[in-house]
Protein backbone atom coordinates (compact mmCIF):
# COMPACT_ATOMS: atom_id res chain seq x y z
CA MET A 1 0.00 0.00 0.00
CA SER A 2 1.07 3.54 -0.61
CA GLY A 3 -0.30 6.24 1.68
CA GLY A 4 -3.30 4.06 2.54
CA ARG A 5 -4.23 3.65 -1.12
CA PRO A 6 -3.84 0.50 -3.18
CA THR A 7 -0.90 0.63 -5.53
CA LEU A 8 -1.40 0.22 -9.24
CA ARG A 9 0.65 -2.98 -9.20
CA PRO A 10 -2.34 -5.37 -9.04
CA ARG A 11 -3.74 -3.94 -12.25
CA ALA A 12 -0.40 -3.93 -13.99
CA SER A 13 0.17 -7.58 -13.13
CA SER A 14 -3.30 -8.64 -14.32
CA ALA A 15 -3.24 -6.67 -17.59
CA PRO A 16 -2.10 -9.57 -19.76
CA ALA A 17 -4.60 -11.96 -18.20
CA LYS A 18 -7.70 -9.77 -18.36
CA GLY A 19 -7.01 -7.24 -21.09
CA ASP A 20 -9.33 -4.52 -19.80
CA LEU A 21 -10.17 -2.34 -16.82
CA GLN A 22 -13.80 -3.34 -16.54
CA PRO A 23 -13.92 -6.27 -14.11
CA ALA A 24 -17.10 -7.05 -12.20
CA CYS A 25 -17.42 -4.95 -9.05
CA LYS A 26 -16.93 -8.05 -6.88
CA HIS A 27 -13.84 -9.25 -8.78
CA VAL A 28 -10.89 -10.15 -6.55
CA GLU A 29 -7.42 -10.39 -8.10
CA THR A 30 -4.82 -12.51 -6.29
CA VAL A 31 -1.39 -10.87 -6.24
CA ASP A 32 1.48 -12.41 -4.30
CA GLY A 33 -1.03 -14.59 -2.44
CA GLU A 34 -3.11 -11.60 -1.33
CA GLY A 35 -6.68 -10.97 -2.48
CA ILE A 36 -7.06 -7.46 -3.94
CA LYS A 37 -10.61 -6.19 -4.48
CA LEU A 38 -9.81 -4.84 -7.93
CA GLY A 39 -13.43 -4.38 -9.01
CA SER A 40 -14.30 -2.31 -5.93
CA PHE A 41 -11.09 -0.31 -6.25
CA LEU A 42 -11.81 0.63 -9.86
CA ASP A 43 -15.46 1.39 -9.14
CA SER A 44 -14.63 3.77 -6.30
CA THR A 45 -11.76 5.31 -8.30
CA ARG A 46 -14.15 6.12 -11.14
CA ARG A 47 -16.62 7.72 -8.74
CA ARG A 48 -13.98 10.00 -7.25
CA ALA A 49 -12.02 10.69 -10.43
CA ASP A 50 -12.35 14.45 -9.99
CA LYS A 51 -10.52 14.21 -6.65
CA LEU A 52 -7.50 12.28 -7.93
CA SER A 53 -4.14 13.99 -8.31
CA PRO A 54 -3.04 14.59 -11.90
CA GLU A 55 -0.20 12.10 -11.36
CA ARG A 56 -2.54 9.36 -10.12
CA ARG A 57 -4.95 9.95 -13.00
CA ALA A 58 -2.09 9.90 -15.53
CA ALA A 59 -0.82 6.60 -14.10
CA LEU A 60 -4.29 5.08 -14.42
CA ASP A 61 -4.63 6.45 -17.97
CA GLU A 62 -1.33 4.75 -18.90
CA LEU A 63 -2.80 1.44 -17.73
CA GLY A 64 -5.85 1.94 -19.94
CA MET A 65 -8.37 3.16 -17.36
CA ARG A 66 -11.86 3.57 -18.77
CA TRP A 67 -13.51 6.45 -17.02
């Protein structure tokens, strides 16, 4: 975790397997043996997109975030 927020690493590691940033809201991605609630993370990130720092938004855009 970084500053209490999930890192972008779970998404980056699952990119080849899933191919998109539209998992079901209840989707859990396993990274290094830990369950990451990727669907919930992306859902809440979309809802608060206007509050994200430009750097955070740019990082998500690079990963292919669909707003």
